[in-house]
Amino acid sequence: MNSVNEAMLLYAVTDRAWTGHLTLMEQVALALEGGATCVQLREKELDDGTFLEEAREMKMLCARYHVPFIINDNVEVALACGADGIHVGQSDMEARDVRTLIGPDVILGVSAQTLEQALAAERAGADYLGVGAVFATTTKLDADAVSHETLKAICGAVSIPVTAIGGITRDNLPELKGTGVDGVALVSAIFAAADIKGECRALRALSEEMVSR
């Protein structure tokens, strides 16, 4: 299993909106084949039973690639399917409460948009931070913009890994070099691609170059 730091390199966040001739599971399999280092299952519309069934299948898929499997927001589903981690936002359950529920061994990721939020998340027991939106994004319309200066300040202030998220594409990813991030979290850049496997290969190479010091 990747370390949390290594898992941040190319972090794939699912979005069912981009499924078409491929199922979500098939898309995730292609992302893993292309080099995704972490997968987060984000489902806002499914009932818990369907969500859990899907989560169990995706957990097994990620395990075959030795890649951490993260559930977005739903602690109950994360625990029930044996996910490697849970990711929560600022409007979800408090990070400290989540840590109490999941114990010390499950990965806890927390979204942050400010230095204060980042430091608070680290104190609450977060294992990594998702910081963004670092570019304009159409995937999450309510995402606040985070300047690259703030991103750099967060990376310099915390001792846990940071992944940048929000509007990142193959074209603008290199602009994040020098900010201190440990990788990128991507939604449409991966799952809206015509060739998901090939796109992940290209994005991973760019991310590796970006994080090289």
N, C-alpha and C. Protein backbone atom coordinates (compact mmCIF):
# COMPACT_ATOMS: atom_id res chain seq x y z
N MET A 1 0.84 -1.20 0.00
CA MET A 1 0.00 0.00 0.00
C MET A 1 0.88 1.25 0.00
N ASN A 2 0.53 2.20 -0.82
CA ASN A 2 1.26 3.46 -0.85
C ASN A 2 1.21 4.14 0.51
N SER A 3 2.25 4.91 0.84
CA SER A 3 2.16 5.79 1.99
C SER A 3 1.19 6.91 1.63
N VAL A 4 0.71 7.63 2.64
CA VAL A 4 -0.23 8.72 2.37
C VAL A 4 0.43 9.76 1.48
N ASN A 5 1.70 10.04 1.73
CA ASN A 5 2.41 11.03 0.92
C ASN A 5 2.44 10.61 -0.54
N GLU A 6 2.80 9.36 -0.81
CA GLU A 6 2.85 8.86 -2.18
C GLU A 6 1.47 8.82 -2.82
N ALA A 7 0.44 8.59 -2.00
CA ALA A 7 -0.92 8.48 -2.52
C ALA A 7 -1.45 9.80 -3.08
N MET A 8 -0.87 10.91 -2.66
CA MET A 8 -1.34 12.22 -3.11
C MET A 8 -0.95 12.55 -4.54
N LEU A 9 0.00 11.82 -5.11
CA LEU A 9 0.59 12.20 -6.39
C LEU A 9 -0.44 12.38 -7.49
N LEU A 10 -1.28 11.37 -7.69
CA LEU A 10 -2.35 11.46 -8.70
C LEU A 10 -3.61 10.86 -8.11
N TYR A 11 -4.40 11.71 -7.50
CA TYR A 11 -5.55 11.35 -6.67
C TYR A 11 -6.80 11.52 -7.51
N ALA A 12 -7.43 10.40 -7.86
CA ALA A 12 -8.61 10.42 -8.73
C ALA A 12 -9.89 10.48 -7.89
N VAL A 13 -10.73 11.48 -8.16
CA VAL A 13 -12.00 11.67 -7.45
C VAL A 13 -13.14 11.39 -8.43
N THR A 14 -13.98 10.43 -8.13
CA THR A 14 -15.00 9.99 -9.08
C THR A 14 -16.12 11.02 -9.24
N ASP A 15 -16.74 10.94 -10.40
CA ASP A 15 -17.92 11.77 -10.70
C ASP A 15 -18.76 11.00 -11.72
N ARG A 16 -19.91 10.53 -11.28
CA ARG A 16 -20.77 9.73 -12.13
C ARG A 16 -21.27 10.49 -13.36
N ALA A 17 -21.18 11.82 -13.34
CA ALA A 17 -21.66 12.62 -14.47
C ALA A 17 -20.92 12.30 -15.77
N TRP A 18 -19.71 11.74 -15.64
CA TRP A 18 -18.91 11.49 -16.84
C TRP A 18 -19.03 10.05 -17.35
N THR A 19 -19.88 9.24 -16.71
CA THR A 19 -20.06 7.88 -17.23
C THR A 19 -20.89 7.94 -18.51
N GLY A 20 -20.60 7.04 -19.42
CA GLY A 20 -21.33 6.97 -20.69
C GLY A 20 -21.34 5.55 -21.17
N HIS A 21 -20.48 5.25 -22.15
CA HIS A 21 -20.39 3.87 -22.63
C HIS A 21 -19.60 3.00 -21.67
N LEU A 22 -18.91 3.63 -20.70
CA LEU A 22 -18.21 2.90 -19.66
C LEU A 22 -18.90 3.10 -18.32
N THR A 23 -18.88 2.06 -17.49
CA THR A 23 -19.41 2.21 -16.14
C THR A 23 -18.38 2.94 -15.28
N LEU A 24 -18.80 3.40 -14.11
CA LEU A 24 -17.87 4.06 -13.20
C LEU A 24 -16.74 3.11 -12.81
N MET A 25 -17.07 1.85 -12.56
CA MET A 25 -16.05 0.88 -12.18
C MET A 25 -15.04 0.69 -13.31
N GLU A 26 -15.51 0.63 -14.54
CA GLU A 26 -14.60 0.50 -15.68
C GLU A 26 -13.71 1.73 -15.81
N GLN A 27 -14.27 2.91 -15.58
CA GLN A 27 -13.48 4.14 -15.64
C GLN A 27 -12.38 4.14 -14.57
N VAL A 28 -12.74 3.74 -13.36
CA VAL A 28 -11.77 3.70 -12.27
C VAL A 28 -10.67 2.69 -12.58
N ALA A 29 -11.03 1.56 -13.14
CA ALA A 29 -10.03 0.55 -13.52
C ALA A 29 -9.03 1.12 -14.52
N LEU A 30 -9.51 1.88 -15.47
CA LEU A 30 -8.62 2.51 -16.45
C LEU A 30 -7.71 3.54 -15.79
N ALA A 31 -8.27 4.31 -14.85
CA ALA A 31 -7.46 5.29 -14.12
C ALA A 31 -6.34 4.61 -13.34
N LEU A 32 -6.67 3.49 -12.72
CA LEU A 32 -5.66 2.74 -11.97
C LEU A 32 -4.60 2.16 -12.89
N GLU A 33 -5.02 1.65 -14.03
CA GLU A 33 -4.06 1.13 -15.01
C GLU A 33 -3.14 2.23 -15.50
N GLY A 34 -3.66 3.46 -15.57
CA GLY A 34 -2.88 4.59 -16.04
C GLY A 34 -1.98 5.20 -14.99
N GLY A 35 -2.11 4.75 -13.74
CA GLY A 35 -1.19 5.24 -12.72
C GLY A 35 -1.78 6.08 -11.61
N ALA A 36 -3.10 6.10 -11.46
CA ALA A 36 -3.69 6.81 -10.32
C ALA A 36 -3.16 6.22 -9.02
N THR A 37 -2.82 7.07 -8.08
CA THR A 37 -2.20 6.61 -6.83
C THR A 37 -3.16 6.59 -5.66
N CYS A 38 -4.37 7.09 -5.86
CA CYS A 38 -5.41 7.09 -4.83
C CYS A 38 -6.74 7.27 -5.52
N VAL A 39 -7.79 6.68 -4.98
CA VAL A 39 -9.13 6.83 -5.55
C VAL A 39 -10.09 7.23 -4.44
N GLN A 40 -10.85 8.30 -4.69
CA GLN A 40 -11.91 8.70 -3.76
C GLN A 40 -13.26 8.49 -4.45
N LEU A 41 -14.13 7.73 -3.79
CA LEU A 41 -15.49 7.53 -4.29
C LEU A 41 -16.38 8.61 -3.70
N ARG A 42 -16.87 9.48 -4.56
CA ARG A 42 -17.75 10.58 -4.12
C ARG A 42 -19.13 10.35 -4.73
N GLU A 43 -20.10 10.12 -3.86
CA GLU A 43 -21.49 9.89 -4.29
C GLU A 43 -22.41 10.70 -3.40
N LYS A 44 -23.06 11.68 -3.98
CA LYS A 44 -23.97 12.53 -3.22
C LYS A 44 -25.44 12.15 -3.39
N GLU A 45 -25.72 11.33 -4.40
CA GLU A 45 -27.11 11.05 -4.74
C GLU A 45 -27.56 9.62 -4.40
N LEU A 46 -26.64 8.69 -4.28
CA LEU A 46 -27.02 7.30 -4.04
C LEU A 46 -27.51 7.08 -2.61
N ASP A 47 -28.46 6.14 -2.46
CA ASP A 47 -28.86 5.74 -1.11
C ASP A 47 -27.72 4.93 -0.50
N ASP A 48 -27.71 4.82 0.82
CA ASP A 48 -26.58 4.21 1.52
C ASP A 48 -26.35 2.75 1.11
N GLY A 49 -27.44 2.01 0.87
CA GLY A 49 -27.30 0.61 0.49
C GLY A 49 -26.57 0.44 -0.84
N THR A 50 -26.98 1.23 -1.83
CA THR A 50 -26.34 1.17 -3.15
C THR A 50 -24.91 1.69 -3.08
N PHE A 51 -24.73 2.77 -2.31
CA PHE A 51 -23.41 3.35 -2.10
C PHE A 51 -22.46 2.30 -1.49
N LEU A 52 -22.93 1.59 -0.49
CA LEU A 52 -22.09 0.59 0.18
C LEU A 52 -21.73 -0.55 -0.77
N GLU A 53 -22.68 -1.01 -1.55
CA GLU A 53 -22.41 -2.09 -2.50
C GLU A 53 -21.34 -1.66 -3.50
N GLU A 54 -21.47 -0.44 -4.02
CA GLU A 54 -20.50 0.09 -4.97
C GLU A 54 -19.13 0.27 -4.30
N ALA A 55 -19.15 0.74 -3.06
CA ALA A 55 -17.90 0.98 -2.32
C ALA A 55 -17.14 -0.32 -2.10
N ARG A 56 -17.83 -1.37 -1.77
CA ARG A 56 -17.17 -2.66 -1.54
C ARG A 56 -16.49 -3.17 -2.81
N GLU A 57 -17.17 -3.01 -3.93
CA GLU A 57 -16.59 -3.46 -5.20
C GLU A 57 -15.37 -2.62 -5.56
N MET A 58 -15.48 -1.30 -5.37
CA MET A 58 -14.37 -0.42 -5.73
C MET A 58 -13.18 -0.60 -4.79
N LYS A 59 -13.47 -0.89 -3.53
CA LYS A 59 -12.40 -1.17 -2.57
C LYS A 59 -11.58 -2.37 -3.03
N MET A 60 -12.24 -3.43 -3.50
CA MET A 60 -11.52 -4.62 -3.98
C MET A 60 -10.71 -4.30 -5.22
N LEU A 61 -11.26 -3.48 -6.09
CA LEU A 61 -10.55 -3.07 -7.30
C LEU A 61 -9.27 -2.31 -6.94
N CYS A 62 -9.37 -1.35 -6.05
CA CYS A 62 -8.20 -0.56 -5.64
C CYS A 62 -7.16 -1.42 -4.94
N ALA A 63 -7.63 -2.40 -4.16
CA ALA A 63 -6.71 -3.28 -3.45
C ALA A 63 -5.84 -4.08 -4.42
N ARG A 64 -6.40 -4.42 -5.58
CA ARG A 64 -5.62 -5.18 -6.56
C ARG A 64 -4.45 -4.35 -7.09
N TYR A 65 -4.59 -3.05 -7.05
CA TYR A 65 -3.52 -2.15 -7.52
C TYR A 65 -2.72 -1.57 -6.35
N HIS A 66 -3.02 -2.01 -5.14
CA HIS A 66 -2.33 -1.53 -3.93
C HIS A 66 -2.43 -0.01 -3.81
N VAL A 67 -3.62 0.49 -4.11
CA VAL A 67 -3.89 1.93 -4.08
C VAL A 67 -4.93 2.23 -3.00
N PRO A 68 -4.70 3.24 -2.15
CA PRO A 68 -5.67 3.56 -1.10
C PRO A 68 -7.04 3.94 -1.68
N PHE A 69 -8.08 3.46 -1.01
CA PHE A 69 -9.46 3.74 -1.41
C PHE A 69 -10.11 4.61 -0.34
N ILE A 70 -10.59 5.77 -0.75
CA ILE A 70 -11.13 6.77 0.17
C ILE A 70 -12.62 6.98 -0.12
N ILE A 71 -13.41 7.11 0.92
CA ILE A 71 -14.83 7.46 0.78
C ILE A 71 -15.01 8.94 1.11
N ASN A 72 -15.78 9.62 0.30
CA ASN A 72 -16.08 11.03 0.57
C ASN A 72 -17.26 11.14 1.54
N ASP A 73 -17.02 11.78 2.66
CA ASP A 73 -18.05 12.26 3.58
C ASP A 73 -18.77 11.20 4.43
N ASN A 74 -19.10 10.06 3.87
CA ASN A 74 -19.98 9.10 4.56
C ASN A 74 -19.18 8.15 5.45
N VAL A 75 -19.08 8.48 6.73
CA VAL A 75 -18.28 7.69 7.66
C VAL A 75 -18.83 6.28 7.81
N GLU A 76 -20.15 6.14 7.85
CA GLU A 76 -20.77 4.83 8.04
C GLU A 76 -20.41 3.88 6.88
N VAL A 77 -20.51 4.38 5.66
CA VAL A 77 -20.16 3.56 4.50
C VAL A 77 -18.67 3.24 4.50
N ALA A 78 -17.85 4.22 4.85
CA ALA A 78 -16.39 4.00 4.89
C ALA A 78 -16.04 2.87 5.84
N LEU A 79 -16.63 2.88 7.02
CA LEU A 79 -16.35 1.83 8.01
C LEU A 79 -16.92 0.49 7.57
N ALA A 80 -18.12 0.50 7.01
CA ALA A 80 -18.79 -0.74 6.63
C ALA A 80 -18.08 -1.47 5.49
N CYS A 81 -17.48 -0.72 4.57
CA CYS A 81 -16.82 -1.36 3.42
C CYS A 81 -15.34 -1.60 3.67
N GLY A 82 -14.83 -1.13 4.80
CA GLY A 82 -13.41 -1.31 5.10
C GLY A 82 -12.52 -0.42 4.27
N ALA A 83 -13.01 0.78 3.94
CA ALA A 83 -12.21 1.72 3.15
C ALA A 83 -10.92 2.06 3.87
N ASP A 84 -9.93 2.42 3.09
CA ASP A 84 -8.64 2.82 3.67
C ASP A 84 -8.72 4.20 4.32
N GLY A 85 -9.72 5.00 3.87
CA GLY A 85 -9.81 6.34 4.43
C GLY A 85 -11.14 7.00 4.18
N ILE A 86 -11.29 8.16 4.77
CA ILE A 86 -12.48 9.00 4.65
C ILE A 86 -12.02 10.44 4.43
N HIS A 87 -12.73 11.15 3.55
CA HIS A 87 -12.41 12.56 3.32
C HIS A 87 -13.63 13.40 3.67
N VAL A 88 -13.42 14.45 4.44
CA VAL A 88 -14.52 15.33 4.83
C VAL A 88 -14.19 16.78 4.49
N GLY A 89 -15.25 17.54 4.20
CA GLY A 89 -15.11 18.96 3.91
C GLY A 89 -15.38 19.79 5.15
N GLN A 90 -15.29 21.10 4.98
CA GLN A 90 -15.49 22.00 6.10
C GLN A 90 -16.93 22.02 6.58
N SER A 91 -17.88 21.65 5.70
CA SER A 91 -19.29 21.65 6.09
C SER A 91 -19.78 20.27 6.50
N ASP A 92 -18.88 19.28 6.50
CA ASP A 92 -19.23 17.93 6.91
C ASP A 92 -18.96 17.76 8.41
N MET A 93 -18.96 16.53 8.89
CA MET A 93 -18.68 16.26 10.29
C MET A 93 -17.30 16.80 10.68
N GLU A 94 -17.18 17.32 11.90
CA GLU A 94 -15.91 17.84 12.38
C GLU A 94 -14.82 16.76 12.31
N ALA A 95 -13.65 17.17 11.86
CA ALA A 95 -12.56 16.22 11.68
C ALA A 95 -12.21 15.48 12.97
N ARG A 96 -12.23 16.17 14.09
CA ARG A 96 -11.90 15.53 15.36
C ARG A 96 -12.92 14.44 15.70
N ASP A 97 -14.20 14.69 15.40
CA ASP A 97 -15.24 13.69 15.65
C ASP A 97 -15.08 12.49 14.72
N VAL A 98 -14.71 12.78 13.48
CA VAL A 98 -14.48 11.69 12.52
C VAL A 98 -13.33 10.81 13.00
N ARG A 99 -12.25 11.43 13.45
CA ARG A 99 -11.10 10.66 13.92
C ARG A 99 -11.50 9.75 15.09
N THR A 100 -12.35 10.26 15.97
CA THR A 100 -12.81 9.44 17.10
C THR A 100 -13.57 8.22 16.61
N LEU A 101 -14.39 8.39 15.57
CA LEU A 101 -15.19 7.29 15.05
C LEU A 101 -14.38 6.27 14.28
N ILE A 102 -13.39 6.71 13.53
CA ILE A 102 -12.67 5.79 12.64
C ILE A 102 -11.43 5.18 13.28
N GLY A 103 -10.98 5.75 14.39
CA GLY A 103 -9.79 5.23 15.04
C GLY A 103 -8.51 5.76 14.41
N PRO A 104 -7.37 5.30 14.90
CA PRO A 104 -6.09 5.86 14.47
C PRO A 104 -5.55 5.34 13.15
N ASP A 105 -6.08 4.22 12.66
CA ASP A 105 -5.45 3.56 11.53
C ASP A 105 -6.09 3.87 10.18
N VAL A 106 -7.27 4.47 10.17
CA VAL A 106 -7.94 4.83 8.93
C VAL A 106 -7.48 6.22 8.51
N ILE A 107 -7.18 6.38 7.23
CA ILE A 107 -6.70 7.67 6.71
C ILE A 107 -7.82 8.71 6.81
N LEU A 108 -7.48 9.88 7.30
CA LEU A 108 -8.43 10.99 7.38
C LEU A 108 -7.92 12.16 6.54
N GLY A 109 -8.71 12.50 5.51
CA GLY A 109 -8.41 13.67 4.69
C GLY A 109 -9.42 14.77 4.96
N VAL A 110 -8.96 16.01 4.94
CA VAL A 110 -9.82 17.15 5.23
C VAL A 110 -9.60 18.24 4.19
N SER A 111 -10.67 18.82 3.70
CA SER A 111 -10.58 19.94 2.78
C SER A 111 -10.26 21.22 3.54
N ALA A 112 -9.44 22.07 2.94
CA ALA A 112 -9.10 23.35 3.57
C ALA A 112 -8.94 24.40 2.48
N GLN A 113 -9.39 25.61 2.82
CA GLN A 113 -9.25 26.73 1.90
C GLN A 113 -8.38 27.85 2.48
N THR A 114 -8.11 27.80 3.77
CA THR A 114 -7.33 28.84 4.43
C THR A 114 -6.25 28.20 5.29
N LEU A 115 -5.27 29.01 5.67
CA LEU A 115 -4.21 28.53 6.55
C LEU A 115 -4.78 28.11 7.89
N GLU A 116 -5.74 28.87 8.39
CA GLU A 116 -6.35 28.55 9.69
C GLU A 116 -7.05 27.20 9.64
N GLN A 117 -7.81 26.95 8.58
CA GLN A 117 -8.50 25.67 8.43
C GLN A 117 -7.49 24.52 8.32
N ALA A 118 -6.41 24.75 7.61
CA ALA A 118 -5.39 23.71 7.44
C ALA A 118 -4.75 23.34 8.77
N LEU A 119 -4.39 24.34 9.55
CA LEU A 119 -3.75 24.08 10.85
C LEU A 119 -4.72 23.40 11.81
N ALA A 120 -5.99 23.82 11.75
CA ALA A 120 -7.00 23.20 12.62
C ALA A 120 -7.20 21.74 12.24
N ALA A 121 -7.22 21.45 10.95
CA ALA A 121 -7.39 20.07 10.48
C ALA A 121 -6.22 19.20 10.93
N GLU A 122 -5.03 19.72 10.84
CA GLU A 122 -3.86 18.96 11.28
C GLU A 122 -3.94 18.66 12.77
N ARG A 123 -4.32 19.67 13.55
CA ARG A 123 -4.45 19.46 15.01
C ARG A 123 -5.53 18.44 15.32
N ALA A 124 -6.57 18.38 14.48
CA ALA A 124 -7.70 17.47 14.72
C ALA A 124 -7.39 16.03 14.32
N GLY A 125 -6.23 15.82 13.72
CA GLY A 125 -5.84 14.45 13.38
C GLY A 125 -5.87 14.09 11.92
N ALA A 126 -5.97 15.10 11.03
CA ALA A 126 -5.96 14.81 9.59
C ALA A 126 -4.63 14.21 9.17
N ASP A 127 -4.69 13.26 8.24
CA ASP A 127 -3.49 12.66 7.68
C ASP A 127 -3.03 13.37 6.41
N TYR A 128 -3.96 14.04 5.75
CA TYR A 128 -3.61 14.85 4.58
C TYR A 128 -4.66 15.92 4.39
N LEU A 129 -4.34 16.93 3.57
CA LEU A 129 -5.26 18.01 3.26
C LEU A 129 -5.54 18.04 1.77
N GLY A 130 -6.77 18.36 1.41
CA GLY A 130 -7.13 18.67 0.04
C GLY A 130 -7.38 20.17 -0.03
N VAL A 131 -6.57 20.90 -0.77
CA VAL A 131 -6.64 22.36 -0.77
C VAL A 131 -7.05 22.86 -2.15
N GLY A 132 -8.07 23.68 -2.19
CA GLY A 132 -8.55 24.24 -3.45
C GLY A 132 -9.86 25.00 -3.26
N ALA A 133 -10.35 25.59 -4.33
CA ALA A 133 -9.99 25.30 -5.71
C ALA A 133 -8.79 26.17 -6.14
N VAL A 134 -7.76 25.49 -6.68
CA VAL A 134 -6.56 26.22 -7.06
C VAL A 134 -6.68 26.85 -8.44
N PHE A 135 -7.64 26.38 -9.24
CA PHE A 135 -8.01 26.99 -10.51
C PHE A 135 -9.53 27.01 -10.58
N ALA A 136 -10.09 27.79 -11.49
CA ALA A 136 -11.54 27.82 -11.66
C ALA A 136 -12.02 26.43 -12.04
N THR A 137 -13.15 26.01 -11.43
CA THR A 137 -13.66 24.66 -11.69
C THR A 137 -15.16 24.68 -11.94
N THR A 138 -15.60 23.82 -12.84
CA THR A 138 -17.04 23.66 -13.09
C THR A 138 -17.57 22.42 -12.39
N THR A 139 -16.67 21.63 -11.79
CA THR A 139 -17.10 20.40 -11.12
C THR A 139 -17.80 20.70 -9.81
N LYS A 140 -17.26 21.66 -9.07
CA LYS A 140 -17.83 22.03 -7.78
C LYS A 140 -18.03 23.55 -7.78
N LEU A 141 -19.24 23.97 -8.09
CA LEU A 141 -19.49 25.38 -8.34
C LEU A 141 -19.40 26.24 -7.08
N ASP A 142 -19.54 25.62 -5.89
CA ASP A 142 -19.48 26.40 -4.66
C ASP A 142 -18.07 26.42 -4.05
N ALA A 143 -17.08 25.93 -4.80
CA ALA A 143 -15.71 25.88 -4.28
C ALA A 143 -15.10 27.28 -4.26
N ASP A 144 -14.53 27.64 -3.12
CA ASP A 144 -13.85 28.93 -3.00
C ASP A 144 -12.49 28.85 -3.66
N ALA A 145 -12.08 29.96 -4.26
CA ALA A 145 -10.76 30.02 -4.89
C ALA A 145 -9.68 30.12 -3.82
N VAL A 146 -8.58 29.43 -4.07
CA VAL A 146 -7.42 29.49 -3.18
C VAL A 146 -6.24 29.94 -4.02
N SER A 147 -5.63 31.06 -3.64
CA SER A 147 -4.50 31.58 -4.39
C SER A 147 -3.30 30.66 -4.23
N HIS A 148 -2.38 30.73 -5.17
CA HIS A 148 -1.18 29.91 -5.08
C HIS A 148 -0.31 30.36 -3.91
N GLU A 149 -0.44 31.62 -3.53
CA GLU A 149 0.28 32.11 -2.36
C GLU A 149 -0.23 31.44 -1.08
N THR A 150 -1.57 31.33 -0.98
CA THR A 150 -2.15 30.65 0.18
C THR A 150 -1.80 29.18 0.17
N LEU A 151 -1.84 28.57 -1.00
CA LEU A 151 -1.48 27.16 -1.13
C LEU A 151 -0.04 26.93 -0.65
N LYS A 152 0.85 27.80 -1.05
CA LYS A 152 2.26 27.69 -0.66
C LYS A 152 2.41 27.88 0.85
N ALA A 153 1.64 28.83 1.40
CA ALA A 153 1.71 29.08 2.85
C ALA A 153 1.22 27.87 3.64
N ILE A 154 0.15 27.24 3.16
CA ILE A 154 -0.37 26.04 3.83
C ILE A 154 0.67 24.92 3.79
N CYS A 155 1.25 24.69 2.62
CA CYS A 155 2.24 23.63 2.47
C CYS A 155 3.45 23.86 3.39
N GLY A 156 3.80 25.12 3.58
CA GLY A 156 4.94 25.44 4.43
C GLY A 156 4.63 25.35 5.92
N ALA A 157 3.34 25.39 6.26
CA ALA A 157 2.96 25.46 7.67
C ALA A 157 2.59 24.11 8.28
N VAL A 158 2.19 23.16 7.44
CA VAL A 158 1.75 21.86 7.98
C VAL A 158 2.81 20.80 7.72
N SER A 159 2.75 19.74 8.50
CA SER A 159 3.71 18.65 8.34
C SER A 159 3.08 17.43 7.68
N ILE A 160 1.81 17.53 7.29
CA ILE A 160 1.11 16.43 6.62
C ILE A 160 1.05 16.72 5.12
N PRO A 161 0.87 15.70 4.28
CA PRO A 161 0.82 15.91 2.83
C PRO A 161 -0.36 16.79 2.42
N VAL A 162 -0.15 17.51 1.31
CA VAL A 162 -1.18 18.39 0.75
C VAL A 162 -1.39 18.03 -0.71
N THR A 163 -2.64 17.82 -1.08
CA THR A 163 -2.96 17.65 -2.50
C THR A 163 -3.78 18.84 -2.97
N ALA A 164 -3.44 19.37 -4.12
CA ALA A 164 -4.17 20.50 -4.70
C ALA A 164 -5.35 19.96 -5.50
N ILE A 165 -6.46 20.67 -5.47
CA ILE A 165 -7.66 20.24 -6.19
C ILE A 165 -8.37 21.46 -6.76
N GLY A 166 -9.11 21.24 -7.83
CA GLY A 166 -9.96 22.29 -8.37
C GLY A 166 -9.46 22.84 -9.70
N GLY A 167 -10.09 22.41 -10.79
CA GLY A 167 -9.81 22.99 -12.10
C GLY A 167 -8.46 22.62 -12.69
N ILE A 168 -7.82 21.60 -12.14
CA ILE A 168 -6.47 21.23 -12.61
C ILE A 168 -6.58 20.41 -13.90
N THR A 169 -5.79 20.78 -14.88
CA THR A 169 -5.76 20.09 -16.17
C THR A 169 -4.31 19.78 -16.55
N ARG A 170 -4.16 19.06 -17.64
CA ARG A 170 -2.82 18.78 -18.13
C ARG A 170 -2.07 20.09 -18.46
N ASP A 171 -2.81 21.11 -18.93
CA ASP A 171 -2.19 22.36 -19.34
C ASP A 171 -1.71 23.21 -18.16
N ASN A 172 -2.51 23.27 -17.08
CA ASN A 172 -2.14 24.18 -15.98
C ASN A 172 -1.45 23.48 -14.81
N LEU A 173 -1.41 22.17 -14.80
CA LEU A 173 -0.79 21.44 -13.69
C LEU A 173 0.65 21.92 -13.42
N PRO A 174 1.49 22.13 -14.45
CA PRO A 174 2.86 22.55 -14.18
C PRO A 174 2.97 23.89 -13.43
N GLU A 175 1.92 24.70 -13.46
CA GLU A 175 1.94 25.98 -12.75
C GLU A 175 2.01 25.79 -11.23
N LEU A 176 1.70 24.59 -10.75
CA LEU A 176 1.73 24.33 -9.31
C LEU A 176 3.13 23.98 -8.81
N LYS A 177 4.08 23.82 -9.71
CA LYS A 177 5.46 23.51 -9.30
C LYS A 177 5.99 24.64 -8.41
N GLY A 178 6.59 24.28 -7.30
CA GLY A 178 7.15 25.26 -6.39
C GLY A 178 6.22 25.65 -5.26
N THR A 179 4.96 25.18 -5.31
CA THR A 179 4.03 25.51 -4.22
C THR A 179 4.25 24.62 -3.01
N GLY A 180 4.86 23.45 -3.22
CA GLY A 180 5.09 22.52 -2.11
C GLY A 180 4.07 21.41 -2.01
N VAL A 181 3.10 21.37 -2.92
CA VAL A 181 2.08 20.32 -2.86
C VAL A 181 2.71 18.96 -3.16
N ASP A 182 2.07 17.92 -2.64
CA ASP A 182 2.55 16.56 -2.82
C ASP A 182 1.89 15.86 -3.99
N GLY A 183 0.95 16.54 -4.64
CA GLY A 183 0.27 15.95 -5.78
C GLY A 183 -1.00 16.70 -6.09
N VAL A 184 -1.80 16.10 -6.98
CA VAL A 184 -3.02 16.75 -7.45
C VAL A 184 -4.19 15.79 -7.37
N ALA A 185 -5.36 16.33 -7.05
CA ALA A 185 -6.61 15.57 -7.06
C ALA A 185 -7.43 16.05 -8.25
N LEU A 186 -7.90 15.12 -9.05
CA LEU A 186 -8.53 15.46 -10.31
C LEU A 186 -9.86 14.74 -10.47
N VAL A 187 -10.81 15.44 -11.08
CA VAL A 187 -12.12 14.84 -11.37
C VAL A 187 -12.29 14.75 -12.88
N SER A 188 -12.73 15.85 -13.50
CA SER A 188 -13.03 15.81 -14.93
C SER A 188 -11.78 15.61 -15.79
N ALA A 189 -10.63 16.07 -15.34
CA ALA A 189 -9.40 15.89 -16.12
C ALA A 189 -9.11 14.42 -16.36
N ILE A 190 -9.58 13.57 -15.43
CA ILE A 190 -9.44 12.12 -15.61
C ILE A 190 -10.70 11.52 -16.22
N PHE A 191 -11.84 11.72 -15.57
CA PHE A 191 -13.02 10.95 -15.93
C PHE A 191 -13.79 11.48 -17.14
N ALA A 192 -13.49 12.69 -17.58
CA ALA A 192 -14.09 13.19 -18.81
C ALA A 192 -13.20 12.95 -20.02
N ALA A 193 -12.01 12.38 -19.78
CA ALA A 193 -11.07 12.14 -20.88
C ALA A 193 -11.56 11.03 -21.79
N ALA A 194 -11.29 11.17 -23.07
CA ALA A 194 -11.66 10.13 -24.03
C ALA A 194 -10.82 8.87 -23.82
N ASP A 195 -9.57 9.07 -23.40
CA ASP A 195 -8.65 7.96 -23.12
C ASP A 195 -8.18 8.11 -21.68
N ILE A 196 -8.94 7.55 -20.75
CA ILE A 196 -8.66 7.74 -19.32
C ILE A 196 -7.29 7.18 -18.95
N LYS A 197 -6.98 6.00 -19.43
CA LYS A 197 -5.69 5.37 -19.11
C LYS A 197 -4.53 6.22 -19.62
N GLY A 198 -4.59 6.64 -20.86
CA GLY A 198 -3.53 7.46 -21.44
C GLY A 198 -3.41 8.81 -20.77
N GLU A 199 -4.55 9.40 -20.43
CA GLU A 199 -4.53 10.71 -19.77
C GLU A 199 -3.89 10.60 -18.39
N CYS A 200 -4.20 9.53 -17.67
CA CYS A 200 -3.60 9.34 -16.35
C CYS A 200 -2.08 9.17 -16.45
N ARG A 201 -1.63 8.47 -17.46
CA ARG A 201 -0.19 8.32 -17.64
C ARG A 201 0.47 9.68 -17.82
N ALA A 202 -0.14 10.52 -18.66
CA ALA A 202 0.42 11.85 -18.92
C ALA A 202 0.35 12.72 -17.67
N LEU A 203 -0.78 12.67 -16.97
CA LEU A 203 -0.95 13.47 -15.76
C LEU A 203 0.00 13.03 -14.65
N ARG A 204 0.22 11.73 -14.55
CA ARG A 204 1.14 11.25 -13.51
C ARG A 204 2.57 11.73 -13.79
N ALA A 205 2.97 11.67 -15.05
CA ALA A 205 4.31 12.15 -15.40
C ALA A 205 4.45 13.64 -15.07
N LEU A 206 3.43 14.41 -15.38
CA LEU A 206 3.46 15.85 -15.07
C LEU A 206 3.50 16.09 -13.56
N SER A 207 2.74 15.29 -12.83
CA SER A 207 2.70 15.45 -11.37
C SER A 207 4.05 15.07 -10.75
N GLU A 208 4.67 14.03 -11.27
CA GLU A 208 5.99 13.64 -10.77
C GLU A 208 7.00 14.75 -11.00
N GLU A 209 6.92 15.37 -12.17
CA GLU A 209 7.81 16.49 -12.47
C GLU A 209 7.52 17.69 -11.57
N MET A 210 6.23 17.92 -11.32
CA MET A 210 5.83 19.06 -10.49
C MET A 210 6.36 18.95 -9.06
N VAL A 211 6.31 17.75 -8.49
CA VAL A 211 6.72 17.60 -7.09
C VAL A 211 8.22 17.41 -6.93
N SER A 212 8.94 17.22 -8.03
CA SER A 212 10.39 17.06 -7.93
C SER A 212 11.00 18.38 -7.45
N ARG A 213 11.86 18.29 -6.49
CA ARG A 213 12.41 19.50 -5.87
C ARG A 213 13.65 19.97 -6.62
